[in-house]
PDB file of all heavy atoms in Angstrom:
ATOM      1  N   LEU A   1       8.309   1.736 -15.637  1.00  0.00           N
ATOM      2  CA  LEU A   1       7.356   0.631 -15.522  1.00  0.00           C
ATOM      3  C   LEU A   1       7.822  -0.352 -14.459  1.00  0.00           C
ATOM      4  O   LEU A   1       7.017  -0.765 -13.613  1.00  0.00           O
ATOM      5  CB  LEU A   1       7.178  -0.070 -16.884  1.00  0.00           C
ATOM      6  CG  LEU A   1       6.614   0.766 -18.035  1.00  0.00           C
ATOM      7  CD1 LEU A   1       6.384  -0.118 -19.244  1.00  0.00           C
ATOM      8  CD2 LEU A   1       5.326   1.427 -17.599  1.00  0.00           C
ATOM      9  N   THR A   2       9.058  -0.769 -14.517  1.00  0.00           N
ATOM     10  CA  THR A   2       9.526  -1.775 -13.587  1.00  0.00           C
ATOM     11  C   THR A   2       9.529  -1.234 -12.161  1.00  0.00           C
ATOM     12  O   THR A   2       9.115  -1.965 -11.224  1.00  0.00           O
ATOM     13  CB  THR A   2      10.922  -2.248 -13.958  1.00  0.00           C
ATOM     14  OG1 THR A   2      11.810  -1.132 -14.099  1.00  0.00           O
ATOM     15  CG2 THR A   2      10.900  -3.002 -15.284  1.00  0.00           C
ATOM     16  N   GLN A   3       9.954  -0.016 -11.975  1.00  0.00           N
ATOM     17  CA  GLN A   3       9.999   0.507 -10.598  1.00  0.00           C
ATOM     18  C   GLN A   3       8.578   0.828 -10.055  1.00  0.00           C
ATOM     19  O   GLN A   3       8.350   0.681  -8.881  1.00  0.00           O
ATOM     20  CB  GLN A   3      10.849   1.790 -10.573  1.00  0.00           C
ATOM     21  CG  GLN A   3      12.316   1.581 -10.776  1.00  0.00           C
ATOM     22  CD  GLN A   3      12.927   0.666  -9.715  1.00  0.00           C
ATOM     23  OE1 GLN A   3      12.647   0.867  -8.542  1.00  0.00           O
ATOM     24  NE2 GLN A   3      13.724  -0.300 -10.107  1.00  0.00           N
ATOM     25  N   SER A   4       7.654   1.263 -10.908  1.00  0.00           N
ATOM     26  CA  SER A   4       6.292   1.512 -10.492  1.00  0.00           C
ATOM     27  C   SER A   4       5.656   0.234  -9.947  1.00  0.00           C
ATOM     28  O   SER A   4       5.041   0.217  -8.884  1.00  0.00           O
ATOM     29  CB  SER A   4       5.464   2.085 -11.624  1.00  0.00           C
ATOM     30  OG  SER A   4       5.908   3.358 -12.046  1.00  0.00           O
ATOM     31  N   ILE A   5       5.822  -0.836 -10.729  1.00  0.00           N
ATOM     32  CA  ILE A   5       5.234  -2.157 -10.287  1.00  0.00           C
ATOM     33  C   ILE A   5       5.923  -2.614  -9.026  1.00  0.00           C
ATOM     34  O   ILE A   5       5.278  -3.071  -8.090  1.00  0.00           O
ATOM     35  CB  ILE A   5       5.379  -3.155 -11.418  1.00  0.00           C
ATOM     36  CG1 ILE A   5       4.517  -2.729 -12.629  1.00  0.00           C
ATOM     37  CG2 ILE A   5       4.960  -4.545 -10.910  1.00  0.00           C
ATOM     38  CD1 ILE A   5       4.672  -3.621 -13.822  1.00  0.00           C
ATOM     39  N   SER A   6       7.259  -2.512  -8.985  1.00  0.00           N
ATOM     40  CA  SER A   6       8.022  -3.003  -7.800  1.00  0.00           C
ATOM     41  C   SER A   6       7.678  -2.204  -6.544  1.00  0.00           C
ATOM     42  O   SER A   6       7.395  -2.846  -5.474  1.00  0.00           O
ATOM     43  CB  SER A   6       9.518  -2.922  -8.102  1.00  0.00           C
ATOM     44  OG  SER A   6      10.230  -3.265  -6.976  1.00  0.00           O
ATOM     45  N   ASN A   7       7.646  -0.912  -6.633  1.00  0.00           N
ATOM     46  CA  ASN A   7       7.378  -0.060  -5.479  1.00  0.00           C
ATOM     47  C   ASN A   7       5.981  -0.322  -4.881  1.00  0.00           C
ATOM     48  O   ASN A   7       5.828  -0.488  -3.676  1.00  0.00           O
ATOM     49  CB  ASN A   7       7.504   1.412  -5.854  1.00  0.00           C
ATOM     50  CG  ASN A   7       8.933   1.837  -6.046  1.00  0.00           C
ATOM     51  OD1 ASN A   7       9.854   1.253  -5.532  1.00  0.00           O
ATOM     52  ND2 ASN A   7       9.145   2.822  -6.910  1.00  0.00           N
ATOM     53  N   ALA A   8       4.979  -0.317  -5.790  1.00  0.00           N
ATOM     54  CA  ALA A   8       3.636  -0.486  -5.293  1.00  0.00           C
ATOM     55  C   ALA A   8       3.308  -1.920  -4.823  1.00  0.00           C
ATOM     56  O   ALA A   8       2.641  -2.073  -3.830  1.00  0.00           O
ATOM     57  CB  ALA A   8       2.629  -0.113  -6.460  1.00  0.00           C
ATOM     58  N   SER A   9       3.827  -2.919  -5.550  1.00  0.00           N
ATOM     59  CA  SER A   9       3.545  -4.310  -5.124  1.00  0.00           C
ATOM     60  C   SER A   9       4.206  -4.605  -3.779  1.00  0.00           C
ATOM     61  O   SER A   9       3.569  -5.260  -2.917  1.00  0.00           O
ATOM     62  CB  SER A   9       4.049  -5.267  -6.204  1.00  0.00           C
ATOM     63  OG  SER A   9       5.455  -5.162  -6.421  1.00  0.00           O
ATOM     64  N   PHE A  10       5.437  -4.230  -3.621  1.00  0.00           N
ATOM     65  CA  PHE A  10       6.119  -4.493  -2.338  1.00  0.00           C
ATOM     66  C   PHE A  10       5.501  -3.683  -1.199  1.00  0.00           C
ATOM     67  O   PHE A  10       5.426  -4.145  -0.056  1.00  0.00           O
ATOM     68  CB  PHE A  10       7.588  -4.186  -2.442  1.00  0.00           C
ATOM     69  CG  PHE A  10       8.410  -4.635  -1.261  1.00  0.00           C
ATOM     70  CD1 PHE A  10       8.817  -5.964  -1.133  1.00  0.00           C
ATOM     71  CD2 PHE A  10       8.744  -3.752  -0.246  1.00  0.00           C
ATOM     72  CE1 PHE A  10       9.503  -6.416  -0.025  1.00  0.00           C
ATOM     73  CE2 PHE A  10       9.464  -4.171   0.855  1.00  0.00           C
ATOM     74  CZ  PHE A  10       9.886  -5.498   0.963  1.00  0.00           C
ATOM     75  N   GLY A  11       5.034  -2.463  -1.508  1.00  0.00           N
ATOM     76  CA  GLY A  11       4.441  -1.606  -0.520  1.00  0.00           C
ATOM     77  C   GLY A  11       3.238  -2.218   0.201  1.00  0.00           C
ATOM     78  O   GLY A  11       3.042  -2.089   1.380  1.00  0.00           O
ATOM     79  N   ILE A  12       2.401  -2.924  -0.602  1.00  0.00           N
ATOM     80  CA  ILE A  12       1.208  -3.544   0.012  1.00  0.00           C
ATOM     81  C   ILE A  12       1.466  -5.000   0.395  1.00  0.00           C
ATOM     82  O   ILE A  12       0.801  -5.541   1.260  1.00  0.00           O
ATOM     83  CB  ILE A  12      -0.020  -3.434  -0.958  1.00  0.00           C
ATOM     84  CG1 ILE A  12      -1.325  -3.860  -0.282  1.00  0.00           C
ATOM     85  CG2 ILE A  12       0.233  -4.302  -2.232  1.00  0.00           C
ATOM     86  CD1 ILE A  12      -1.692  -2.984   0.919  1.00  0.00           C
ATOM     87  N   PHE A  13       2.405  -5.650  -0.291  1.00  0.00           N
ATOM     88  CA  PHE A  13       2.704  -7.064   0.040  1.00  0.00           C
ATOM     89  C   PHE A  13       3.342  -7.214   1.387  1.00  0.00           C
ATOM     90  O   PHE A  13       3.067  -8.140   2.146  1.00  0.00           O
ATOM     91  CB  PHE A  13       3.587  -7.684  -1.042  1.00  0.00           C
ATOM     92  CG  PHE A  13       4.047  -9.112  -0.745  1.00  0.00           C
ATOM     93  CD1 PHE A  13       3.156 -10.145  -0.927  1.00  0.00           C
ATOM     94  CD2 PHE A  13       5.289  -9.345  -0.185  1.00  0.00           C
ATOM     95  CE1 PHE A  13       3.593 -11.460  -0.631  1.00  0.00           C
ATOM     96  CE2 PHE A  13       5.707 -10.642   0.146  1.00  0.00           C
ATOM     97  CZ  PHE A  13       4.816 -11.722  -0.096  1.00  0.00           C
ATOM     98  N   PHE A  14       4.262  -6.314   1.735  1.00  0.00           N
ATOM     99  CA  PHE A  14       5.040  -6.433   2.989  1.00  0.00           C
ATOM    100  C   PHE A  14       4.114  -6.338   4.195  1.00  0.00           C
ATOM    101  O   PHE A  14       4.287  -7.146   5.141  1.00  0.00           O
ATOM    102  CB  PHE A  14       6.102  -5.345   3.056  1.00  0.00           C
ATOM    103  CG  PHE A  14       7.138  -5.586   4.121  1.00  0.00           C
ATOM    104  CD1 PHE A  14       8.059  -6.597   4.036  1.00  0.00           C
ATOM    105  CD2 PHE A  14       7.168  -4.791   5.265  1.00  0.00           C
ATOM    106  CE1 PHE A  14       8.975  -6.851   5.032  1.00  0.00           C
ATOM    107  CE2 PHE A  14       8.085  -5.026   6.289  1.00  0.00           C
ATOM    108  CZ  PHE A  14       8.985  -6.058   6.152  1.00  0.00           C
ATOM    109  N   PRO A  15       3.090  -5.420   4.257  1.00  0.00           N
ATOM    110  CA  PRO A  15       2.163  -5.446   5.378  1.00  0.00           C
ATOM    111  C   PRO A  15       1.386  -6.782   5.456  1.00  0.00           C
ATOM    112  O   PRO A  15       1.116  -7.226   6.574  1.00  0.00           O
ATOM    113  CB  PRO A  15       1.231  -4.273   5.114  1.00  0.00           C
ATOM    114  CG  PRO A  15       2.040  -3.345   4.275  1.00  0.00           C
ATOM    115  CD  PRO A  15       2.901  -4.213   3.440  1.00  0.00           C
ATOM    116  N   LYS A  16       1.075  -7.398   4.314  1.00  0.00           N
ATOM    117  CA  LYS A  16       0.438  -8.703   4.322  1.00  0.00           C
ATOM    118  C   LYS A  16       1.370  -9.747   4.897  1.00  0.00           C
ATOM    119  O   LYS A  16       0.976 -10.578   5.712  1.00  0.00           O
ATOM    120  CB  LYS A  16       0.029  -9.081   2.904  1.00  0.00           C
ATOM    121  CG  LYS A  16      -1.195  -8.413   2.352  1.00  0.00           C
ATOM    122  CD  LYS A  16      -1.438  -8.883   0.904  1.00  0.00           C
ATOM    123  CE  LYS A  16      -1.425 -10.393   0.817  1.00  0.00           C
ATOM    124  NZ  LYS A  16      -1.546 -10.870  -0.568  1.00  0.00           N
ATOM    125  N   PHE A  17       2.601  -9.665   4.516  1.00  0.00           N
ATOM    126  CA  PHE A  17       3.604 -10.673   4.905  1.00  0.00           C
ATOM    127  C   PHE A  17       3.902 -10.592   6.431  1.00  0.00           C
ATOM    128  O   PHE A  17       4.045 -11.605   7.055  1.00  0.00           O
ATOM    129  CB  PHE A  17       4.911 -10.429   4.143  1.00  0.00           C
ATOM    130  CG  PHE A  17       6.016 -11.397   4.452  1.00  0.00           C
ATOM    131  CD1 PHE A  17       5.975 -12.717   3.946  1.00  0.00           C
ATOM    132  CD2 PHE A  17       7.067 -11.025   5.237  1.00  0.00           C
ATOM    133  CE1 PHE A  17       6.966 -13.610   4.246  1.00  0.00           C
ATOM    134  CE2 PHE A  17       8.089 -11.911   5.521  1.00  0.00           C
ATOM    135  CZ  PHE A  17       8.048 -13.219   5.057  1.00  0.00           C
ATOM    136  N   THR A  18       3.934  -9.360   6.969  1.00  0.00           N
ATOM    137  CA  THR A  18       4.225  -9.187   8.403  1.00  0.00           C
ATOM    138  C   THR A  18       2.989  -9.212   9.265  1.00  0.00           C
ATOM    139  O   THR A  18       3.088  -9.285  10.477  1.00  0.00           O
ATOM    140  CB  THR A  18       4.985  -7.872   8.593  1.00  0.00           C
ATOM    141  OG1 THR A  18       4.172  -6.752   8.139  1.00  0.00           O
ATOM    142  CG2 THR A  18       6.294  -7.881   7.858  1.00  0.00           C
ATOM    143  N   GLY A  19       1.801  -9.068   8.650  1.00  0.00           N
ATOM    144  CA  GLY A  19       0.576  -9.085   9.424  1.00  0.00           C
ATOM    145  C   GLY A  19       0.061  -7.711   9.827  1.00  0.00           C
ATOM    146  O   GLY A  19      -0.990  -7.562  10.417  1.00  0.00           O
ATOM    147  N   THR A  20       0.855  -6.648   9.491  1.00  0.00           N
ATOM    148  CA  THR A  20       0.424  -5.296   9.862  1.00  0.00           C
ATOM    149  C   THR A  20      -0.738  -4.791   8.966  1.00  0.00           C
ATOM    150  O   THR A  20      -1.223  -3.684   9.214  1.00  0.00           O
ATOM    151  CB  THR A  20       1.594  -4.328   9.777  1.00  0.00           C
ATOM    152  OG1 THR A  20       2.169  -4.388   8.478  1.00  0.00           O
ATOM    153  CG2 THR A  20       2.689  -4.687  10.800  1.00  0.00           C
ATOM    154  N   ILE A  21      -1.135  -5.577   7.950  1.00  0.00           N
ATOM    155  CA  ILE A  21      -2.263  -5.149   7.111  1.00  0.00           C
ATOM    156  C   ILE A  21      -3.542  -5.037   7.929  1.00  0.00           C
ATOM    157  O   ILE A  21      -4.418  -4.257   7.595  1.00  0.00           O
ATOM    158  CB  ILE A  21      -2.431  -6.177   5.963  1.00  0.00           C
ATOM    159  CG1 ILE A  21      -3.443  -5.658   4.951  1.00  0.00           C
ATOM    160  CG2 ILE A  21      -2.832  -7.521   6.485  1.00  0.00           C
ATOM    161  CD1 ILE A  21      -3.080  -4.467   4.185  1.00  0.00           C
ATOM    162  N   TYR A  22      -3.610  -5.786   9.039  1.00  0.00           N
ATOM    163  CA  TYR A  22      -4.822  -5.725   9.874  1.00  0.00           C
ATOM    164  C   TYR A  22      -4.995  -4.350  10.502  1.00  0.00           C
ATOM    165  O   TYR A  22      -6.132  -3.942  10.810  1.00  0.00           O
ATOM    166  CB  TYR A  22      -4.797  -6.799  10.941  1.00  0.00           C
ATOM    167  CG  TYR A  22      -4.826  -8.187  10.361  1.00  0.00           C
ATOM    168  CD1 TYR A  22      -3.673  -9.005  10.314  1.00  0.00           C
ATOM    169  CD2 TYR A  22      -6.030  -8.696   9.894  1.00  0.00           C
ATOM    170  CE1 TYR A  22      -3.753 -10.256   9.764  1.00  0.00           C
ATOM    171  CE2 TYR A  22      -6.057  -9.978   9.355  1.00  0.00           C
ATOM    172  CZ  TYR A  22      -4.931 -10.771   9.268  1.00  0.00           C
ATOM    173  OH  TYR A  22      -4.985 -12.025   8.726  1.00  0.00           O
ATOM    174  N   GLU A  23      -3.933  -3.651  10.748  1.00  0.00           N
ATOM    175  CA  GLU A  23      -4.031  -2.265  11.284  1.00  0.00           C
ATOM    176  C   GLU A  23      -4.672  -1.376  10.316  1.00  0.00           C
ATOM    177  O   GLU A  23      -5.479  -0.495  10.666  1.00  0.00           O
ATOM    178  CB  GLU A  23      -2.625  -1.761  11.648  1.00  0.00           C
ATOM    179  CG  GLU A  23      -1.936  -2.572  12.748  1.00  0.00           C
ATOM    180  CD  GLU A  23      -0.545  -2.053  13.028  1.00  0.00           C
ATOM    181  OE1 GLU A  23      -0.185  -0.991  12.481  1.00  0.00           O
ATOM    182  OE2 GLU A  23       0.207  -2.679  13.839  1.00  0.00           O
ATOM    183  N   VAL A  24      -4.354  -1.561   9.004  1.00  0.00           N
ATOM    184  CA  VAL A  24      -4.943  -0.734   7.971  1.00  0.00           C
ATOM    185  C   VAL A  24      -6.423  -1.101   7.778  1.00  0.00           C
ATOM    186  O   VAL A  24      -7.298  -0.235   7.641  1.00  0.00           O
ATOM    187  CB  VAL A  24      -4.181  -0.910   6.624  1.00  0.00           C
ATOM    188  CG1 VAL A  24      -4.843  -0.104   5.527  1.00  0.00           C
ATOM    189  CG2 VAL A  24      -2.755  -0.472   6.829  1.00  0.00           C
ATOM    190  N   LEU A  25      -6.744  -2.422   7.775  1.00  0.00           N
ATOM    191  CA  LEU A  25      -8.072  -2.872   7.534  1.00  0.00           C
ATOM    192  C   LEU A  25      -9.059  -2.492   8.664  1.00  0.00           C
ATOM    193  O   LEU A  25     -10.231  -2.323   8.469  1.00  0.00           O
ATOM    194  CB  LEU A  25      -8.107  -4.391   7.338  1.00  0.00           C
ATOM    195  CG  LEU A  25      -7.367  -4.902   6.117  1.00  0.00           C
ATOM    196  CD1 LEU A  25      -7.381  -6.441   6.057  1.00  0.00           C
ATOM    197  CD2 LEU A  25      -7.960  -4.369   4.845  1.00  0.00           C
ATOM    198  N   SER A  26      -8.496  -2.394   9.885  1.00  0.00           N
ATOM    199  CA  SER A  26      -9.372  -2.068  11.050  1.00  0.00           C
ATOM    200  C   SER A  26      -9.480  -0.579  11.275  1.00  0.00           C
ATOM    201  O   SER A  26     -10.303  -0.156  12.076  1.00  0.00           O
ATOM    202  CB  SER A  26      -8.777  -2.760  12.316  1.00  0.00           C
ATOM    203  OG  SER A  26      -7.488  -2.272  12.594  1.00  0.00           O
ATOM    204  N   ALA A  27      -8.671   0.213  10.610  1.00  0.00           N
ATOM    205  CA  ALA A  27      -8.721   1.653  10.788  1.00  0.00           C
ATOM    206  C   ALA A  27      -9.924   2.227  10.041  1.00  0.00           C
ATOM    207  O   ALA A  27     -10.404   1.682   9.067  1.00  0.00           O
ATOM    208  CB  ALA A  27      -7.415   2.284  10.236  1.00  0.00           C
ATOM    209  N   PRO A  28     -10.400   3.393  10.486  1.00  0.00           N
ATOM    210  CA  PRO A  28     -11.579   4.033   9.828  1.00  0.00           C
ATOM    211  C   PRO A  28     -11.173   4.763   8.539  1.00  0.00           C
ATOM    212  O   PRO A  28     -11.288   5.986   8.446  1.00  0.00           O
ATOM    213  CB  PRO A  28     -12.085   4.999  10.905  1.00  0.00           C
ATOM    214  CG  PRO A  28     -10.852   5.399  11.667  1.00  0.00           C
ATOM    215  CD  PRO A  28      -9.992   4.119  11.697  1.00  0.00           C
ATOM    216  N   VAL A  29     -10.688   3.999   7.592  1.00  0.00           N
ATOM    217  CA  VAL A  29     -10.283   4.580   6.301  1.00  0.00           C
ATOM    218  C   VAL A  29     -10.943   3.762   5.182  1.00  0.00           C
ATOM    219  O   VAL A  29     -11.140   2.545   5.305  1.00  0.00           O
ATOM    220  CB  VAL A  29      -8.767   4.595   6.104  1.00  0.00           C
ATOM    221  CG1 VAL A  29      -8.070   5.540   7.076  1.00  0.00           C
ATOM    222  CG2 VAL A  29      -8.175   3.202   6.255  1.00  0.00           C
ATOM    223  N   SER A  30     -11.294   4.442   4.098  1.00  0.00           N
ATOM    224  CA  SER A  30     -11.923   3.784   2.969  1.00  0.00           C
ATOM    225  C   SER A  30     -10.852   3.130   2.086  1.00  0.00           C
ATOM    226  O   SER A  30      -9.651   3.437   2.199  1.00  0.00           O
ATOM    227  CB  SER A  30     -12.761   4.760   2.173  1.00  0.00           C
ATOM    228  OG  SER A  30     -11.917   5.731   1.540  1.00  0.00           O
ATOM    229  N   TRP A  31     -11.295   2.281   1.170  1.00  0.00           N
ATOM    230  CA  TRP A  31     -10.377   1.661   0.220  1.00  0.00           C
ATOM    231  C   TRP A  31      -9.700   2.686  -0.654  1.00  0.00           C
ATOM    232  O   TRP A  31      -8.504   2.560  -0.978  1.00  0.00           O
ATOM    233  CB  TRP A  31     -11.116   0.645  -0.639  1.00  0.00           C
ATOM    234  CG  TRP A  31     -12.056   1.250  -1.626  1.00  0.00           C
ATOM    235  CD1 TRP A  31     -13.356   1.570  -1.423  1.00  0.00           C
ATOM    236  CD2 TRP A  31     -11.742   1.638  -2.986  1.00  0.00           C
ATOM    237  NE1 TRP A  31     -13.907   2.113  -2.557  1.00  0.00           N
ATOM    238  CE2 TRP A  31     -12.944   2.164  -3.535  1.00  0.00           C
ATOM    239  CE3 TRP A  31     -10.613   1.566  -3.769  1.00  0.00           C
ATOM    240  CZ2 TRP A  31     -13.022   2.670  -4.841  1.00  0.00           C
ATOM    241  CZ3 TRP A  31     -10.671   2.058  -5.089  1.00  0.00           C
ATOM    242  CH2 TRP A  31     -11.854   2.615  -5.578  1.00  0.00           C
ATOM    243  N   LEU A  32     -10.429   3.786  -0.985  1.00  0.00           N
ATOM    244  CA  LEU A  32      -9.841   4.789  -1.843  1.00  0.00           C
ATOM    245  C   LEU A  32      -8.729   5.543  -1.152  1.00  0.00           C
ATOM    246  O   LEU A  32      -7.684   5.845  -1.740  1.00  0.00           O
ATOM    247  CB  LEU A  32     -10.941   5.797  -2.241  1.00  0.00           C
ATOM    248  CG  LEU A  32     -10.505   6.889  -3.245  1.00  0.00           C
ATOM    249  CD1 LEU A  32      -9.969   6.323  -4.526  1.00  0.00           C
ATOM    250  CD2 LEU A  32     -11.674   7.814  -3.515  1.00  0.00           C
ATOM    251  N   GLU A  33      -8.865   5.795   0.153  1.00  0.00           N
ATOM    252  CA  GLU A  33      -7.832   6.508   0.913  1.00  0.00           C
ATOM    253  C   GLU A  33      -6.593   5.616   1.061  1.00  0.00           C
ATOM    254  O   GLU A  33      -5.465   6.130   0.993  1.00  0.00           O
ATOM    255  CB  GLU A  33      -8.396   6.861   2.274  1.00  0.00           C
ATOM    256  CG  GLU A  33      -9.499   7.967   2.221  1.00  0.00           C
ATOM    257  CD  GLU A  33     -10.382   7.961   3.433  1.00  0.00           C
ATOM    258  OE1 GLU A  33     -10.239   7.065   4.292  1.00  0.00           O
ATOM    259  OE2 GLU A  33     -11.200   8.897   3.520  1.00  0.00           O
ATOM    260  N   VAL A  34      -6.776   4.318   1.236  1.00  0.00           N
ATOM    261  CA  VAL A  34      -5.630   3.409   1.318  1.00  0.00           C
ATOM    262  C   VAL A  34      -4.900   3.394   0.007  1.00  0.00           C
ATOM    263  O   VAL A  34      -3.656   3.461  -0.026  1.00  0.00           O
ATOM    264  CB  VAL A  34      -6.113   2.008   1.680  1.00  0.00           C
ATOM    265  CG1 VAL A  34      -4.951   1.010   1.599  1.00  0.00           C
ATOM    266  CG2 VAL A  34      -6.717   1.964   3.081  1.00  0.00           C
ATOM    267  N   VAL A  35      -5.642   3.303  -1.093  1.00  0.00           N
ATOM    268  CA  VAL A  35      -5.009   3.257  -2.445  1.00  0.00           C
ATOM    269  C   VAL A  35      -4.260   4.582  -2.729  1.00  0.00           C
ATOM    270  O   VAL A  35      -3.149   4.551  -3.216  1.00  0.00           O
ATOM    271  CB  VAL A  35      -6.097   3.004  -3.506  1.00  0.00           C
ATOM    272  CG1 VAL A  35      -5.489   3.185  -4.902  1.00  0.00           C
ATOM    273  CG2 VAL A  35      -6.658   1.618  -3.339  1.00  0.00           C
ATOM    274  N   ILE A  36      -4.870   5.695  -2.394  1.00  0.00           N
ATOM    275  CA  ILE A  36      -4.222   6.991  -2.632  1.00  0.00           C
ATOM    276  C   ILE A  36      -2.891   7.070  -1.849  1.00  0.00           C
ATOM    277  O   ILE A  36      -1.878   7.565  -2.394  1.00  0.00           O
ATOM    278  CB  ILE A  36      -5.157   8.170  -2.265  1.00  0.00           C
ATOM    279  CG1 ILE A  36      -6.345   8.252  -3.192  1.00  0.00           C
ATOM    280  CG2 ILE A  36      -4.368   9.487  -2.248  1.00  0.00           C
ATOM    281  CD1 ILE A  36      -7.369   9.280  -2.826  1.00  0.00           C
ATOM    282  N   GLY A  37      -2.894   6.619  -0.615  1.00  0.00           N
ATOM    283  CA  GLY A  37      -1.665   6.633   0.156  1.00  0.00           C
ATOM    284  C   GLY A  37      -0.584   5.795  -0.379  1.00  0.00           C
ATOM    285  O   GLY A  37       0.536   6.303  -0.611  1.00  0.00           O
ATOM    286  N   TYR A  38      -0.864   4.523  -0.662  1.00  0.00           N
ATOM    287  CA  TYR A  38       0.148   3.590  -1.151  1.00  0.00           C
ATOM    288  C   TYR A  38       0.571   3.895  -2.593  1.00  0.00           C
ATOM    289  O   TYR A  38       1.724   3.995  -2.926  1.00  0.00           O
ATOM    290  CB  TYR A  38      -0.355   2.149  -1.075  1.00  0.00           C
ATOM    291  CG  TYR A  38      -0.231   1.555   0.309  1.00  0.00           C
ATOM    292  CD1 TYR A  38      -1.376   1.344   1.108  1.00  0.00           C
ATOM    293  CD2 TYR A  38       1.030   1.157   0.784  1.00  0.00           C
ATOM    294  CE1 TYR A  38      -1.237   0.765   2.340  1.00  0.00           C
ATOM    295  CE2 TYR A  38       1.122   0.594   2.021  1.00  0.00           C
ATOM    296  CZ  TYR A  38       0.004   0.378   2.815  1.00  0.00           C
ATOM    297  OH  TYR A  38       0.125  -0.187   4.078  1.00  0.00           O
ATOM    298  N   VAL A  39      -0.413   4.091  -3.464  1.00  0.00           N
ATOM    299  CA  VAL A  39      -0.135   4.335  -4.861  1.00  0.00           C
ATOM    300  C   VAL A  39       0.501   5.720  -5.068  1.00  0.00           C
ATOM    301  O   VAL A  39       1.411   5.921  -5.868  1.00  0.00           O
ATOM    302  CB  VAL A  39      -1.376   4.190  -5.722  1.00  0.00           C
ATOM    303  CG1 VAL A  39      -1.162   4.638  -7.169  1.00  0.00           C
ATOM    304  CG2 VAL A  39      -1.855   2.767  -5.708  1.00  0.00           C
ATOM    305  N   GLY A  40       0.038   6.691  -4.287  1.00  0.00           N
ATOM    306  CA  GLY A  40       0.618   8.029  -4.388  1.00  0.00           C
ATOM    307  C   GLY A  40       2.077   8.052  -4.020  1.00  0.00           C
ATOM    308  O   GLY A  40       2.906   8.688  -4.682  1.00  0.00           O
ATOM    309  N   ALA A  41       2.472   7.300  -2.967  1.00  0.00           N
ATOM    310  CA  ALA A  41       3.856   7.237  -2.573  1.00  0.00           C
ATOM    311  C   ALA A  41       4.708   6.513  -3.626  1.00  0.00           C
ATOM    312  O   ALA A  41       5.783   6.946  -4.000  1.00  0.00           O
ATOM    313  CB  ALA A  41       3.999   6.529  -1.235  1.00  0.00           C
ATOM    314  N   ALA A  42       4.175   5.413  -4.128  1.00  0.00           N
ATOM    315  CA  ALA A  42       4.860   4.636  -5.170  1.00  0.00           C
ATOM    316  C   ALA A  42       5.086   5.453  -6.437  1.00  0.00           C
ATOM    317  O   ALA A  42       6.122   5.455  -7.077  1.00  0.00           O
ATOM    318  CB  ALA A  42       4.129   3.329  -5.466  1.00  0.00           C
ATOM    319  N   ALA A  43       4.032   6.207  -6.824  1.00  0.00           N
ATOM    320  CA  ALA A  43       4.095   7.003  -8.028  1.00  0.00           C
ATOM    321  C   ALA A  43       5.080   8.169  -7.826  1.00  0.00           C
ATOM    322  O   ALA A  43       5.812   8.506  -8.771  1.00  0.00           O
ATOM    323  CB  ALA A  43       2.723   7.559  -8.382  1.00  0.00           C
ATOM    324  N   THR A  44       5.109   8.720  -6.661  1.00  0.00           N
ATOM    325  CA  THR A  44       6.077   9.810  -6.391  1.00  0.00           C
ATOM    326  C   THR A  44       7.517   9.280  -6.572  1.00  0.00           C
ATOM    327  O   THR A  44       8.377   9.980  -7.186  1.00  0.00           O
ATOM    328  CB  THR A  44       5.865  10.323  -4.954  1.00  0.00           C
ATOM    329  OG1 THR A  44       4.568  10.867  -4.818  1.00  0.00           O
ATOM    330  CG2 THR A  44       6.902  11.446  -4.658  1.00  0.00           C
ATOM    331  N   LYS A  45       7.798   8.104  -6.000  1.00  0.00           N
ATOM    332  CA  LYS A  45       9.132   7.544  -6.129  1.00  0.00           C
ATOM    333  C   LYS A  45       9.465   7.218  -7.581  1.00  0.00           C
ATOM    334  O   LYS A  45      10.588   7.480  -8.042  1.00  0.00           O
ATOM    335  CB  LYS A  45       9.245   6.286  -5.283  1.00  0.00           C
ATOM    336  CG  LYS A  45       9.194   6.528  -3.773  1.00  0.00           C
ATOM    337  CD  LYS A  45       9.304   5.239  -2.991  1.00  0.00           C
ATOM    338  CE  LYS A  45       7.999   4.524  -2.894  1.00  0.00           C
ATOM    339  NZ  LYS A  45       8.064   3.371  -1.960  1.00  0.00           N
TER     340      LYS A  45
END
């Protein structure tokens, strides 16, 4: 539980913090594809 929350929260927070989230938002990808990528990696870990 603790690692799932930590991995996923930091994974999306860090792009917000550094400003690279705009690259994801401007890319031709849907919200579902973004979630699958970030959450899939966090769940794997």
